[in-house]
Structures are given as structure tokens and as C-alpha cells.
């Protein structure tokens, strides 16, 4: 399943190469606001012409398969300062998340809103973008029963390579 999702993300990325610049990379995820800190890994994709950022993640939990997707719109990505020839920026936006959780004989679907806030920097003539982000999130459990989720604070650190 994860291979198919990764392949779909890569196909979309390469199919749009001529239309605009894009960045694709990896990010490590965790959530220190939870009782158990379950690490995760995500593929991240960002467009240049529109301030849209997407990710597909897999969280490492012992007794379930956990796949997540996010989509964010950054309405602010402003420079703080220069560090050498690179600019250090901060960003804030609004987005969504969806978690597909597959415990042994069950299925859980959560979805909701998030507010990504973080730092990013473009180095090596804009070809490499390291970033750090926290995204306070709140949502609802849709399956197996309707319920609200507690607010949580996922943290991500990662990088993207840019193709222009």
C-alpha cells in the first residue's frame, strides 16, 4: 500500500515538472503531546507557483498500520534574516489532515484541521530546503464512530530538493 502511495506522489511530481517548480523530500514526524511518542516518516511535496504543501506519512506503531495525509496552504512565508547567502524564513498556514489507521481487525478514520507554523531555508541556490514545523491540530474521528479528537501538536523536521 505504501509503495503505491509513494509511486502516485512521484508520478504527480514528475508529470508536473514542466508546469512549475516543485520540491520533494522526506520528513520525520513525531507528536510529543501524546502519551506514547510514535515516530513516523513522510514524503513531502511542495509547489512553487502556489503555496501548497502535501505529505503522505507512515507512523511506526507496534499493533497497527497508520497512514496519514496532509495538505497545507501557507498564507505567509516571510524572511527573518540572511544566514550567509541563504534566507531564513518563517511560515504559517492552514491545512487538513486525514489518518487511516488499521489495527488488527478494525479500521479508524480521523480527519481535521491544522495550523502549520515553522521555519524553512533555501540553500545551495534554492535547490535544497530544510524545514522545521509544528502543526497544532484538532479533528474528528469519523469511523468506527463519530467522536472528537483531543488537540495535538505534531512536529516535523525534514528537507526538500527543488526541481526548477
C-alpha atoms as a PDB file:
ATOM      1  CA  UNK A   1       0.000   0.000   0.000  1.00  0.00           C
ATOM      2  CA  UNK A   2       2.736   2.471   0.968  1.00  0.00           C
ATOM      3  CA  UNK A   3       4.610   1.707  -2.253  1.00  0.00           C
ATOM      4  CA  UNK A   4       1.531   2.592  -4.304  1.00  0.00           C
ATOM      5  CA  UNK A   5       1.022   5.870  -2.455  1.00  0.00           C
ATOM      6  CA  UNK A   6       4.693   6.789  -2.916  1.00  0.00           C
ATOM      7  CA  UNK A   7       4.513   5.894  -6.609  1.00  0.00           C
ATOM      8  CA  UNK A   8       1.404   8.068  -7.058  1.00  0.00           C
ATOM      9  CA  UNK A   9       3.112  11.038  -5.377  1.00  0.00           C
ATOM     10  CA  UNK A  10       6.212  10.638  -7.543  1.00  0.00           C
ATOM     11  CA  UNK A  11       4.149  10.335 -10.743  1.00  0.00           C
ATOM     12  CA  UNK A  12       2.267  13.536  -9.959  1.00  0.00           C
ATOM     13  CA  UNK A  13       5.541  15.280  -9.168  1.00  0.00           C
ATOM     14  CA  UNK A  14       7.271  14.249 -12.385  1.00  0.00           C
ATOM     15  CA  UNK A  15       4.197  14.819 -14.551  1.00  0.00           C
ATOM     16  CA  UNK A  16       4.071  18.455 -13.475  1.00  0.00           C
ATOM     17  CA  UNK A  17       7.781  19.207 -13.924  1.00  0.00           C
ATOM     18  CA  UNK A  18       7.258  21.405 -16.959  1.00  0.00           C
ATOM     19  CA  UNK A  19       4.368  23.355 -15.430  1.00  0.00           C
ATOM     20  CA  UNK A  20       6.131  24.796 -12.379  1.00  0.00           C
ATOM     21  CA  UNK A  21       8.981  24.274  -9.958  1.00  0.00           C
ATOM     22  CA  UNK A  22       8.419  21.808  -7.147  1.00  0.00           C
ATOM     23  CA  UNK A  23      10.186  20.415  -4.136  1.00  0.00           C
ATOM     24  CA  UNK A  24      10.051  16.829  -2.980  1.00  0.00           C
ATOM     25  CA  UNK A  25      11.677  15.330   0.082  1.00  0.00           C
ATOM     26  CA  UNK A  26      11.384  13.476   3.356  1.00  0.00           C
ATOM     27  CA  UNK A  27      10.331  14.491   6.829  1.00  0.00           C
ATOM     28  CA  UNK A  28      10.473  12.811  10.224  1.00  0.00           C
ATOM     29  CA  UNK A  29       7.309  13.190  12.315  1.00  0.00           C
ATOM     30  CA  UNK A  30       6.502  12.803  15.976  1.00  0.00           C
ATOM     31  CA  UNK A  31       3.948  14.059  18.464  1.00  0.00           C
ATOM     32  CA  UNK A  32       5.284  14.838  21.941  1.00  0.00           C
ATOM     33  CA  UNK A  33       1.795  15.825  23.144  1.00  0.00           C
ATOM     34  CA  UNK A  34       0.670  12.175  23.128  1.00  0.00           C
ATOM     35  CA  UNK A  35       1.270   9.648  25.924  1.00  0.00           C
ATOM     36  CA  UNK A  36       3.305   7.417  23.611  1.00  0.00           C
ATOM     37  CA  UNK A  37       5.606   9.088  21.104  1.00  0.00           C
ATOM     38  CA  UNK A  38       5.223   7.174  17.848  1.00  0.00           C
ATOM     39  CA  UNK A  39       7.763   8.268  15.222  1.00  0.00           C
ATOM     40  CA  UNK A  40       6.855   8.465  11.554  1.00  0.00           C
ATOM     41  CA  UNK A  41       8.321   9.146   8.140  1.00  0.00           C
ATOM     42  CA  UNK A  42       6.694  11.097   5.308  1.00  0.00           C
ATOM     43  CA  UNK A  43       7.209  12.038   1.694  1.00  0.00           C
ATOM     44  CA  UNK A  44       6.588  15.762   1.289  1.00  0.00           C
ATOM     45  CA  UNK A  45       5.758  17.696  -1.880  1.00  0.00           C
ATOM     46  CA  UNK A  46       5.592  21.479  -2.257  1.00  0.00           C
ATOM     47  CA  UNK A  47       4.688  23.613  -5.266  1.00  0.00           C
ATOM     48  CA  UNK A  48       6.443  26.856  -6.136  1.00  0.00           C
ATOM     49  CA  UNK A  49       3.722  28.681  -8.059  1.00  0.00           C
ATOM     50  CA  UNK A  50       1.137  28.146  -5.282  1.00  0.00           C
ATOM     51  CA  UNK A  51       1.957  27.960  -1.552  1.00  0.00           C
ATOM     52  CA  UNK A  52       0.670  24.381  -1.243  1.00  0.00           C
ATOM     53  CA  UNK A  53       2.411  21.648   0.747  1.00  0.00           C
ATOM     54  CA  UNK A  54       1.361  17.978   0.851  1.00  0.00           C
ATOM     55  CA  UNK A  55       2.656  14.907   2.657  1.00  0.00           C
ATOM     56  CA  UNK A  56       1.944  11.207   2.861  1.00  0.00           C
ATOM     57  CA  UNK A  57       3.178   9.575   6.051  1.00  0.00           C
ATOM     58  CA  UNK A  58       3.578   6.230   7.740  1.00  0.00           C
ATOM     59  CA  UNK A  59       3.654   6.179  11.554  1.00  0.00           C
ATOM     60  CA  UNK A  60       5.522   3.364  13.255  1.00  0.00           C
ATOM     61  CA  UNK A  61       3.170   1.804  15.776  1.00  0.00           C
ATOM     62  CA  UNK A  62       3.502  -1.708  17.109  1.00  0.00           C
ATOM     63  CA  UNK A  63      -0.033  -3.011  16.742  1.00  0.00           C
ATOM     64  CA  UNK A  64      -1.406  -1.139  13.691  1.00  0.00           C
ATOM     65  CA  UNK A  65      -0.646   0.300  10.291  1.00  0.00           C
ATOM     66  CA  UNK A  66      -1.060   4.099  10.361  1.00  0.00           C
ATOM     67  CA  UNK A  67      -1.071   6.106   7.129  1.00  0.00           C
ATOM     68  CA  UNK A  68      -1.675   9.842   7.102  1.00  0.00           C
ATOM     69  CA  UNK A  69      -2.065  12.597   4.534  1.00  0.00           C
ATOM     70  CA  UNK A  70      -1.845  16.347   4.992  1.00  0.00           C
ATOM     71  CA  UNK A  71      -2.400  19.340   2.777  1.00  0.00           C
ATOM     72  CA  UNK A  72      -1.493  22.873   3.791  1.00  0.00           C
ATOM     73  CA  UNK A  73      -1.869  26.342   2.331  1.00  0.00           C
ATOM     74  CA  UNK A  74       0.858  28.706   3.560  1.00  0.00           C
ATOM     75  CA  UNK A  75      -0.548  32.225   3.571  1.00  0.00           C
ATOM     76  CA  UNK A  76       2.707  33.662   4.947  1.00  0.00           C
ATOM     77  CA  UNK A  77       6.329  32.660   4.251  1.00  0.00           C
ATOM     78  CA  UNK A  78       8.461  35.711   5.104  1.00  0.00           C
ATOM     79  CA  UNK A  79      12.181  36.200   5.538  1.00  0.00           C
ATOM     80  CA  UNK A  80      13.517  36.632   9.084  1.00  0.00           C
ATOM     81  CA  UNK A  81      17.194  37.111   8.261  1.00  0.00           C
ATOM     82  CA  UNK A  82      20.010  36.018   5.983  1.00  0.00           C
ATOM     83  CA  UNK A  83      22.447  33.317   7.003  1.00  0.00           C
ATOM     84  CA  UNK A  84      25.299  33.554   4.542  1.00  0.00           C
ATOM     85  CA  UNK A  85      23.716  33.580   1.092  1.00  0.00           C
ATOM     86  CA  UNK A  86      20.554  31.795   2.307  1.00  0.00           C
ATOM     87  CA  UNK A  87      17.454  33.378   3.789  1.00  0.00           C
ATOM     88  CA  UNK A  88      15.869  32.004   6.940  1.00  0.00           C
ATOM     89  CA  UNK A  89      12.061  32.251   6.699  1.00  0.00           C
ATOM     90  CA  UNK A  90       9.113  31.615   8.957  1.00  0.00           C
ATOM     91  CA  UNK A  91       5.733  30.396   7.745  1.00  0.00           C
ATOM     92  CA  UNK A  92       2.186  29.938   8.938  1.00  0.00           C
ATOM     93  CA  UNK A  93      -0.814  28.460   7.185  1.00  0.00           C
ATOM     94  CA  UNK A  94      -3.949  26.408   7.438  1.00  0.00           C
ATOM     95  CA  UNK A  95      -4.499  22.838   6.324  1.00  0.00           C
ATOM     96  CA  UNK A  96      -6.159  19.483   6.751  1.00  0.00           C
ATOM     97  CA  UNK A  97      -5.151  16.023   7.872  1.00  0.00           C
ATOM     98  CA  UNK A  98      -6.584  12.546   7.457  1.00  0.00           C
ATOM     99  CA  UNK A  99      -5.364   9.448   9.305  1.00  0.00           C
ATOM    100  CA  UNK A 100      -6.159   5.934   8.140  1.00  0.00           C
ATOM    101  CA  UNK A 101      -5.427   3.523  10.987  1.00  0.00           C
ATOM    102  CA  UNK A 102      -5.608  -0.240  10.569  1.00  0.00           C
ATOM    103  CA  UNK A 103      -5.445  -2.090  13.899  1.00  0.00           C
ATOM    104  CA  UNK A 104      -5.584  -5.883  13.742  1.00  0.00           C
ATOM    105  CA  UNK A 105      -9.268  -6.353  12.783  1.00  0.00           C
ATOM    106  CA  UNK A 106     -10.551  -2.790  12.703  1.00  0.00           C
ATOM    107  CA  UNK A 107     -10.427   0.487  10.800  1.00  0.00           C
ATOM    108  CA  UNK A 108     -10.227   4.027  12.199  1.00  0.00           C
ATOM    109  CA  UNK A 109     -10.562   7.220  10.162  1.00  0.00           C
ATOM    110  CA  UNK A 110      -9.697  10.606  11.680  1.00  0.00           C
ATOM    111  CA  UNK A 111      -9.719  13.961   9.922  1.00  0.00           C
ATOM    112  CA  UNK A 112      -9.452  17.594  10.828  1.00  0.00           C
ATOM    113  CA  UNK A 113      -7.751  20.954  10.573  1.00  0.00           C
ATOM    114  CA  UNK A 114      -4.212  22.039  11.373  1.00  0.00           C
ATOM    115  CA  UNK A 115      -2.245  25.273  11.648  1.00  0.00           C
ATOM    116  CA  UNK A 116       1.326  24.678  10.395  1.00  0.00           C
ATOM    117  CA  UNK A 117       3.922  27.090  11.823  1.00  0.00           C
ATOM    118  CA  UNK A 118       7.627  26.759  11.237  1.00  0.00           C
ATOM    119  CA  UNK A 119      10.987  27.748   9.820  1.00  0.00           C
ATOM    120  CA  UNK A 120      12.458  26.993   6.409  1.00  0.00           C
ATOM    121  CA  UNK A 121      15.554  27.976   4.495  1.00  0.00           C
ATOM    122  CA  UNK A 122      16.587  27.741   0.850  1.00  0.00           C
ATOM    123  CA  UNK A 123      20.253  26.822   0.391  1.00  0.00           C
ATOM    124  CA  UNK A 124      22.518  25.814  -2.494  1.00  0.00           C
ATOM    125  CA  UNK A 125      20.974  28.402  -4.852  1.00  0.00           C
ATOM    126  CA  UNK A 126      17.454  27.406  -3.883  1.00  0.00           C
ATOM    127  CA  UNK A 127      17.947  23.707  -4.632  1.00  0.00           C
ATOM    128  CA  UNK A 128      17.702  22.443  -1.036  1.00  0.00           C
ATOM    129  CA  UNK A 129      15.120  23.412   1.610  1.00  0.00           C
ATOM    130  CA  UNK A 130      15.489  22.208   5.217  1.00  0.00           C
ATOM    131  CA  UNK A 131      12.495  22.914   7.471  1.00  0.00           C
ATOM    132  CA  UNK A 132      11.112  22.521  10.991  1.00  0.00           C
ATOM    133  CA  UNK A 133       7.390  22.708  11.719  1.00  0.00           C
ATOM    134  CA  UNK A 134       4.788  22.257  14.437  1.00  0.00           C
ATOM    135  CA  UNK A 135       1.144  21.970  13.385  1.00  0.00           C
ATOM    136  CA  UNK A 136      -1.423  22.252  16.181  1.00  0.00           C
ATOM    137  CA  UNK A 137      -4.300  20.039  15.046  1.00  0.00           C
ATOM    138  CA  UNK A 138      -7.856  19.204  16.018  1.00  0.00           C
ATOM    139  CA  UNK A 139     -10.280  16.845  14.372  1.00  0.00           C
ATOM    140  CA  UNK A 140     -12.984  14.278  14.477  1.00  0.00           C
ATOM    141  CA  UNK A 141     -12.987  10.529  14.410  1.00  0.00           C
ATOM    142  CA  UNK A 142     -15.306   9.521  11.585  1.00  0.00           C
ATOM    143  CA  UNK A 143     -15.029   5.722  11.674  1.00  0.00           C
ATOM    144  CA  UNK A 144     -15.873   3.450  13.525  1.00  0.00           C
ATOM    145  CA  UNK A 145     -17.957   6.005  15.461  1.00  0.00           C
ATOM    146  CA  UNK A 146     -18.286   9.781  15.380  1.00  0.00           C
ATOM    147  CA  UNK A 147     -16.228  11.466  18.098  1.00  0.00           C
ATOM    148  CA  UNK A 148     -13.891  14.430  18.579  1.00  0.00           C
ATOM    149  CA  UNK A 149     -10.141  14.109  18.987  1.00  0.00           C
ATOM    150  CA  UNK A 150      -8.014  15.925  21.548  1.00  0.00           C
ATOM    151  CA  UNK A 151      -5.875  18.776  20.274  1.00  0.00           C
ATOM    152  CA  UNK A 152      -2.414  17.517  19.391  1.00  0.00           C
ATOM    153  CA  UNK A 153       0.888  19.042  18.278  1.00  0.00           C
ATOM    154  CA  UNK A 154       2.747  17.042  15.631  1.00  0.00           C
ATOM    155  CA  UNK A 155       6.322  18.155  14.964  1.00  0.00           C
ATOM    156  CA  UNK A 156       8.127  17.600  11.667  1.00  0.00           C
ATOM    157  CA  UNK A 157      11.713  18.114  10.591  1.00  0.00           C
ATOM    158  CA  UNK A 158      12.764  17.471   7.046  1.00  0.00           C
ATOM    159  CA  UNK A 159      14.070  18.637   3.713  1.00  0.00           C
ATOM    160  CA  UNK A 160      13.018  19.051   0.106  1.00  0.00           C
ATOM    161  CA  UNK A 161      15.081  19.033  -3.088  1.00  0.00           C
ATOM    162  CA  UNK A 162      13.842  21.562  -5.648  1.00  0.00           C
ATOM    163  CA  UNK A 163      13.444  20.893  -9.366  1.00  0.00           C
ATOM    164  CA  UNK A 164      13.149  24.031 -11.468  1.00  0.00           C
END
